Amino acid sequence: MFLPTRPDHACYYLRKALQGIVNLSVSNIRALTLLWLSTSGYANQVLRVRCVGDAVMRFHLSRVLSIAMVQRLFALSIAIFAASGVGTASGPDRLRIAVEGEFPPFNYLDAKKQLQGFDVDIAKALCAAERFECEFVVQEWTGMIPNLLENRFDAIISSMSMSAERRTKVSFTNRYYDSPSVFIVRKGSNPNGTSANDLKKMKLGVTSATSQEAYAKEFYKDMSTTVFSASPELYKGLADGSVDIILEDKLAVYDWLANAKAGSCCEFVGSDIKNAEYFGDGAGIAVRPSDTKLLDRLNHGLAAIEASGEYDAINAKYFPFSIR
């Protein structure tokens, strides 16, 4: 029987085992209990509170562990609970989450002006896993980091790539998805390649304040370039001929190419572009550098939804392939 070796996965398996969903022996249950009991760090302290801080879990534990050990676990969880200030009796912690709302399928406003998309579903799953009371804030892209630093919201969950430049201003969680950048052209244009020399006579489009804009300024500086305010305008500009080629996040533009009628005009060209300096190590959740406890809780939540399979379910809702 597989047993997790990471404490951030142990609580999930313990709950399933003690509720009869996963078949574990008493010795394995004890081993998992000792795993998260013996670990340190804020995220694992929160895990202990979640695992043994409710009556149902204590009841299940009492069936396979000694009463003394259950009492010890519960006492420890209460002590950590009081010391860390997590999830107090007054109710769940409030978390204000910024989302752009103009980057489908990751985040967008539906016909009823409700936020939808991969980022939004991940945010909701994290709020449930960490018992946050979450409030979404629709924020125009160029104001994301400035307004985070001005305390107008607490976290950015909006497909923000973890570039070196952004890391000087904010702290990021672990990566929650990865996507290269790519060039897109109208079908039939057939450029000879995608080097700066190959594309020098074409009109390039990028979105304002993105990693793609910064990359284009450095490596395609001699091209005639139009900067669009948001991705929908960028795609429209390519479709109607305002520009000849665009540089965009591959997963974001995939939805337009595959599912939008207007996207049938166009196609990928050239190889995937990966550059950690400009595009970072994938997308992460941004928080203020001083919010170290929040960062730990969000990382713990990401680990929990991955271990439970919820992340994979959200992934499958939007993409026919893994984007981890």
Protein backbone atom coordinates (compact mmCIF):
# COMPACT_ATOMS: atom_id res chain seq x y z
CA MET A 1 0.00 0.00 0.00
CA PHE A 2 1.36 3.43 -1.01
CA LEU A 3 1.97 5.79 1.89
CA PRO A 4 2.78 9.48 1.41
CA THR A 5 6.10 10.69 2.74
CA ARG A 6 5.14 14.37 2.72
CA PRO A 7 3.31 15.68 5.79
CA ASP A 8 1.14 17.96 3.64
CA HIS A 9 -0.42 14.84 2.09
CA ALA A 10 -0.73 12.82 5.30
CA CYS A 11 -3.92 14.50 6.59
CA TYR A 12 -5.80 13.70 3.38
CA TYR A 13 -4.92 10.00 3.57
CA LEU A 14 -5.68 9.88 7.28
CA ARG A 15 -9.16 11.26 6.78
CA LYS A 16 -9.92 8.83 3.95
CA ALA A 17 -8.55 5.88 5.90
CA LEU A 18 -10.36 6.70 9.12
CA GLN A 19 -13.64 7.17 7.25
CA GLY A 20 -13.22 3.78 5.57
CA ILE A 21 -12.64 5.16 2.05
CA VAL A 22 -8.99 4.07 1.88
CA ASN A 23 -7.87 0.76 3.36
CA LEU A 24 -4.94 1.31 5.72
CA SER A 25 -3.76 -0.85 8.57
CA VAL A 26 -3.68 0.47 12.14
CA SER A 27 0.13 0.54 11.99
CA ASN A 28 0.02 2.63 8.80
CA ILE A 29 -2.46 5.04 10.38
CA ARG A 30 -0.16 5.41 13.37
CA ALA A 31 2.80 6.01 11.04
CA LEU A 32 0.94 8.78 9.17
CA THR A 33 -0.18 10.35 12.44
CA LEU A 34 3.38 10.46 13.73
CA LEU A 35 4.58 11.90 10.40
CA TRP A 36 2.61 15.11 10.69
CA LEU A 37 2.87 15.20 14.47
CA SER A 38 6.68 15.25 14.32
CA THR A 39 7.10 17.90 11.63
CA SER A 40 7.60 21.61 12.16
CA GLY A 41 6.79 24.71 10.14
CA TYR A 42 3.75 26.92 9.98
CA ALA A 43 2.01 25.03 7.16
CA ASN A 44 2.26 21.75 9.07
CA GLN A 45 0.98 23.42 12.23
CA VAL A 46 -2.10 24.46 10.28
CA LEU A 47 -2.37 20.88 9.01
CA ARG A 48 -2.47 19.53 12.55
CA VAL A 49 -5.23 21.95 13.49
CA ARG A 50 -7.27 20.89 10.49
CA CYS A 51 -6.67 17.17 11.13
CA VAL A 52 -7.51 16.89 14.81
CA GLY A 53 -9.31 20.11 15.57
CA ASP A 54 -12.80 18.73 14.94
CA ALA A 55 -14.90 16.14 16.74
CA VAL A 56 -15.39 13.84 13.75
CA MET A 57 -11.66 13.37 13.25
CA ARG A 58 -11.08 12.79 16.95
CA PHE A 59 -13.82 10.17 16.98
CA HIS A 60 -12.25 8.29 14.06
CA LEU A 61 -8.77 8.53 15.60
CA SER A 62 -10.04 7.16 18.91
CA ARG A 63 -11.05 3.93 17.18
CA VAL A 64 -7.48 3.06 16.21
CA LEU A 65 -5.24 5.02 18.57
CA SER A 66 -5.01 5.11 22.32
CA ILE A 67 -7.17 7.65 24.16
CA ALA A 68 -3.98 9.19 25.59
CA MET A 69 -2.55 9.75 22.10
CA VAL A 70 -5.79 11.30 20.81
CA GLN A 71 -5.88 13.64 23.80
CA ARG A 72 -2.25 14.57 23.18
CA LEU A 73 -2.98 15.35 19.52
CA PHE A 74 -6.02 17.44 20.36
CA ALA A 75 -4.20 19.37 23.08
CA LEU A 76 -1.35 20.05 20.69
CA SER A 77 -3.72 21.29 17.98
CA ILE A 78 -5.43 23.68 20.40
CA ALA A 79 -2.07 25.05 21.59
CA ILE A 80 -0.89 25.62 18.02
CA PHE A 81 -4.29 27.06 17.14
CA ALA A 82 -4.00 29.68 19.87
CA ALA A 83 -0.35 30.51 19.19
CA SER A 84 -0.65 30.87 15.42
CA GLY A 85 -3.95 32.73 15.26
CA VAL A 86 -5.24 30.48 12.49
CA GLY A 87 -8.98 30.08 12.01
CA THR A 88 -10.13 31.69 15.23
CA ALA A 89 -13.52 31.16 16.76
CA SER A 90 -14.76 34.42 15.27
CA GLY A 91 -14.87 32.75 11.86
CA PRO A 92 -12.75 32.07 8.77
CA ASP A 93 -9.93 34.42 7.81
CA ARG A 94 -10.86 36.89 5.10
CA LEU A 95 -8.84 36.77 1.89
CA ARG A 96 -9.19 39.32 -0.90
CA ILE A 97 -8.15 37.82 -4.25
CA ALA A 98 -7.39 39.90 -7.36
CA VAL A 99 -8.32 38.48 -10.77
CA GLU A 100 -8.12 40.31 -14.09
CA GLY A 101 -11.21 38.77 -15.71
CA GLU A 102 -9.93 39.18 -19.29
CA PHE A 103 -7.74 36.12 -19.81
CA PRO A 104 -9.92 33.15 -20.85
CA PRO A 105 -9.95 30.27 -20.11
CA PHE A 106 -7.98 31.17 -16.98
CA ASN A 107 -10.15 34.06 -15.84
CA TYR A 108 -13.04 35.89 -17.48
CA LEU A 109 -16.47 37.39 -16.83
CA ASP A 110 -19.42 35.36 -18.12
CA ALA A 111 -22.68 36.74 -19.54
CA LYS A 112 -23.91 37.39 -15.99
CA LYS A 113 -20.69 39.27 -15.13
CA GLN A 114 -19.58 36.44 -12.84
CA LEU A 115 -15.92 35.42 -12.67
CA GLN A 116 -15.16 32.04 -14.23
CA GLY A 117 -12.08 30.13 -15.34
CA PHE A 118 -9.19 27.95 -14.23
CA ASP A 119 -7.68 30.58 -11.91
CA VAL A 120 -11.05 31.23 -10.29
CA ASP A 121 -11.71 27.52 -9.68
CA ILE A 122 -8.23 27.06 -8.21
CA ALA A 123 -8.81 30.06 -5.94
CA LYS A 124 -12.16 28.67 -4.74
CA ALA A 125 -10.59 25.27 -4.06
CA LEU A 126 -7.81 26.92 -2.03
CA CYS A 127 -10.35 28.93 -0.05
CA ALA A 128 -12.24 25.75 0.82
CA ALA A 129 -9.07 23.81 1.68
CA GLU A 130 -7.70 26.54 3.95
CA ARG A 131 -11.08 27.77 5.23
CA PHE A 132 -10.68 31.29 3.96
CA GLU A 133 -13.67 33.54 3.49
CA CYS A 134 -12.74 34.77 0.04
CA GLU A 135 -13.70 37.93 -1.80
CA PHE A 136 -12.80 38.39 -5.47
CA VAL A 137 -11.64 41.76 -6.78
CA VAL A 138 -11.63 42.39 -10.55
CA GLN A 139 -8.41 44.29 -11.18
CA GLU A 140 -7.07 45.75 -14.43
CA TRP A 141 -3.76 44.05 -15.23
CA THR A 142 -1.28 46.94 -15.05
CA GLY A 143 -2.48 47.82 -11.54
CA MET A 144 -2.12 44.30 -10.14
CA ILE A 145 1.19 44.55 -8.29
CA PRO A 146 0.92 48.25 -7.32
CA ASN A 147 -2.51 47.70 -5.76
CA LEU A 148 -1.38 44.50 -4.00
CA LEU A 149 1.44 46.47 -2.40
CA GLU A 150 -1.03 49.21 -1.42
CA ASN A 151 -3.10 46.60 0.46
CA ARG A 152 -6.18 46.83 -1.75
CA PHE A 153 -6.25 43.02 -1.86
CA ASP A 154 -4.18 40.20 -0.36
CA ALA A 155 -3.27 37.84 -3.21
CA ILE A 156 -3.15 37.74 -7.00
CA ILE A 157 -4.47 34.51 -8.53
CA SER A 158 -4.54 35.56 -12.16
CA SER A 159 -2.02 33.56 -14.21
CA MET A 160 0.88 35.77 -13.17
CA SER A 161 4.20 34.40 -14.41
CA MET A 162 6.96 34.39 -11.81
CA SER A 163 9.51 36.48 -13.67
CA ALA A 164 12.75 37.69 -12.11
CA GLU A 165 11.54 41.31 -12.32
CA ARG A 166 8.29 40.54 -10.47
CA ARG A 167 10.13 38.58 -7.78
CA THR A 168 11.87 41.82 -6.78
CA LYS A 169 8.47 43.25 -5.77
CA VAL A 170 6.31 40.36 -4.53
CA SER A 171 6.60 36.84 -3.12
CA PHE A 172 5.25 33.87 -5.03
CA THR A 173 3.85 30.52 -3.97
CA ASN A 174 4.96 27.30 -5.55
CA ARG A 175 4.03 27.03 -9.23
CA TYR A 176 0.42 26.03 -9.89
CA TYR A 177 0.74 25.69 -13.65
CA ASP A 178 3.29 26.15 -16.40
CA SER A 179 2.92 27.41 -19.96
CA PRO A 180 5.40 28.51 -22.61
CA SER A 181 4.92 31.51 -24.87
CA VAL A 182 4.38 31.13 -28.59
CA PHE A 183 3.89 33.10 -31.81
CA ILE A 184 0.53 32.97 -33.60
CA VAL A 185 -0.17 34.04 -37.19
CA ARG A 186 -3.09 34.01 -39.61
CA LYS A 187 -3.25 30.80 -41.60
CA GLY A 188 -1.40 31.02 -44.88
CA SER A 189 1.07 33.73 -43.82
CA ASN A 190 3.90 31.17 -43.52
CA PRO A 191 6.90 33.17 -42.23
CA ASN A 192 10.27 31.54 -42.90
CA GLY A 193 10.97 31.31 -39.16
CA THR A 194 10.46 33.20 -35.93
CA SER A 195 13.84 34.87 -35.43
CA ALA A 196 13.99 38.65 -35.26
CA ASN A 197 15.39 38.71 -38.78
CA ASP A 198 12.66 36.39 -40.11
CA LEU A 199 9.90 38.61 -38.70
CA LYS A 200 11.42 42.08 -39.20
CA LYS A 201 8.90 43.11 -41.90
CA MET A 202 5.85 41.92 -39.96
CA LYS A 203 3.70 43.86 -37.50
CA LEU A 204 3.85 42.33 -34.01
CA GLY A 205 1.16 42.48 -31.34
CA VAL A 206 1.59 41.97 -27.57
CA THR A 207 -0.46 42.71 -24.46
CA SER A 208 0.47 45.60 -22.17
CA ALA A 209 2.51 44.95 -19.01
CA THR A 210 3.03 41.26 -19.78
CA SER A 211 6.14 39.11 -19.89
CA GLN A 212 5.59 38.80 -23.63
CA GLU A 213 5.79 42.59 -24.05
CA ALA A 214 9.07 42.71 -22.09
CA TYR A 215 10.50 39.81 -24.12
CA ALA A 216 9.53 41.44 -27.43
CA LYS A 217 11.12 44.75 -26.42
CA GLU A 218 14.41 42.97 -25.77
CA PHE A 219 14.60 40.44 -28.60
CA TYR A 220 12.31 41.91 -31.31
CA LYS A 221 12.98 45.61 -30.75
CA ASP A 222 13.27 46.43 -34.48
CA MET A 223 9.78 45.16 -35.30
CA SER A 224 6.80 47.47 -35.63
CA THR A 225 4.91 46.62 -32.44
CA THR A 226 1.37 47.37 -31.26
CA VAL A 227 0.65 47.05 -27.55
CA PHE A 228 -2.95 46.04 -26.76
CA SER A 229 -4.66 46.63 -23.43
CA ALA A 230 -5.88 43.03 -22.94
CA SER A 231 -5.82 39.61 -24.58
CA PRO A 232 -9.25 39.83 -26.33
CA GLU A 233 -8.10 43.00 -28.12
CA LEU A 234 -4.82 41.30 -29.02
CA TYR A 235 -6.62 38.37 -30.64
CA LYS A 236 -9.03 40.67 -32.48
CA GLY A 237 -6.06 42.65 -33.79
CA LEU A 238 -4.56 39.50 -35.30
CA ALA A 239 -7.86 38.30 -36.75
CA ASP A 240 -8.73 41.63 -38.41
CA GLY A 241 -5.21 42.23 -39.77
CA SER A 242 -4.20 45.12 -37.52
CA VAL A 243 -1.07 43.06 -36.77
CA ASP A 244 0.49 40.13 -38.63
CA ILE A 245 1.73 38.07 -35.69
CA ILE A 246 1.25 38.02 -31.93
CA LEU A 247 3.30 36.70 -29.02
CA GLU A 248 1.13 35.19 -26.29
CA ASP A 249 0.91 32.62 -23.50
CA LYS A 250 0.29 29.30 -25.23
CA LEU A 251 -2.40 27.94 -22.91
CA ALA A 252 -4.35 31.20 -22.92
CA VAL A 253 -4.43 31.51 -26.70
CA TYR A 254 -5.14 27.77 -27.10
CA ASP A 255 -8.70 28.34 -25.90
CA TRP A 256 -9.27 31.05 -28.51
CA LEU A 257 -7.78 28.97 -31.33
CA ALA A 258 -9.65 25.79 -30.37
CA ASN A 259 -13.02 27.08 -29.18
CA ALA A 260 -13.71 30.55 -30.60
CA LYS A 261 -15.09 30.98 -34.13
CA ALA A 262 -12.78 33.94 -34.70
CA GLY A 263 -9.80 31.81 -33.63
CA SER A 264 -10.20 29.48 -36.63
CA CYS A 265 -8.36 32.14 -38.65
CA CYS A 266 -5.08 31.54 -37.02
CA GLU A 267 -2.47 29.00 -35.89
CA PHE A 268 0.73 28.52 -33.92
CA VAL A 269 4.01 29.10 -35.70
CA GLY A 270 7.51 28.14 -34.58
CA SER A 271 8.64 26.43 -31.39
CA ASP A 272 7.56 27.05 -27.81
CA ILE A 273 9.50 29.90 -26.19
CA LYS A 274 10.82 29.37 -22.66
CA ASN A 275 12.96 31.92 -20.90
CA ALA A 276 12.98 31.90 -17.09
CA GLU A 277 14.26 35.47 -16.87
CA TYR A 278 11.22 36.81 -18.72
CA PHE A 279 8.54 34.15 -18.31
CA GLY A 280 9.62 32.83 -14.94
CA ASP A 281 9.10 29.29 -13.71
CA GLY A 282 5.40 29.14 -14.49
CA ALA A 283 2.44 30.86 -12.86
CA GLY A 284 2.31 31.46 -9.11
CA ILE A 285 0.13 33.24 -6.58
CA ALA A 286 1.56 36.64 -5.64
CA VAL A 287 1.43 38.06 -2.10
CA ARG A 288 3.16 40.92 -0.31
CA PRO A 289 6.71 39.94 0.82
CA SER A 290 5.75 40.54 4.45
CA ASP A 291 2.84 38.05 4.32
CA THR A 292 4.92 34.95 5.04
CA LYS A 293 2.17 33.12 6.95
CA LEU A 294 -0.30 33.64 4.12
CA LEU A 295 2.31 32.34 1.66
CA ASP A 296 2.73 29.17 3.75
CA ARG A 297 -1.02 28.62 3.95
CA LEU A 298 -1.47 29.02 0.19
CA ASN A 299 1.38 26.56 -0.48
CA HIS A 300 -0.21 24.13 1.95
CA GLY A 301 -3.55 24.55 0.18
CA LEU A 302 -1.99 23.90 -3.23
CA ALA A 303 -0.41 20.69 -1.92
CA ALA A 304 -3.74 19.62 -0.42
CA ILE A 305 -5.80 20.08 -3.60
CA GLU A 306 -3.14 18.26 -5.61
CA ALA A 307 -3.13 15.33 -3.16
CA SER A 308 -6.92 15.10 -3.11
CA GLY A 309 -7.24 15.02 -6.90
CA GLU A 310 -9.19 18.29 -7.00
CA TYR A 311 -6.45 20.04 -8.98
CA ASP A 312 -6.58 17.34 -11.68
CA ALA A 313 -10.37 17.65 -11.89
CA ILE A 314 -10.10 21.42 -12.44
CA ASN A 315 -7.32 20.88 -15.00
CA ALA A 316 -9.49 18.41 -16.96
CA LYS A 317 -12.40 20.87 -17.01
CA TYR A 318 -10.38 23.31 -19.15
CA PHE A 319 -7.63 21.36 -20.90
CA PRO A 320 -7.35 17.86 -22.41
CA PHE A 321 -3.75 17.66 -21.13
CA SER A 322 -1.88 18.35 -17.90
CA ILE A 323 -0.68 21.92 -17.38
CA ARG A 324 1.30 21.32 -14.15
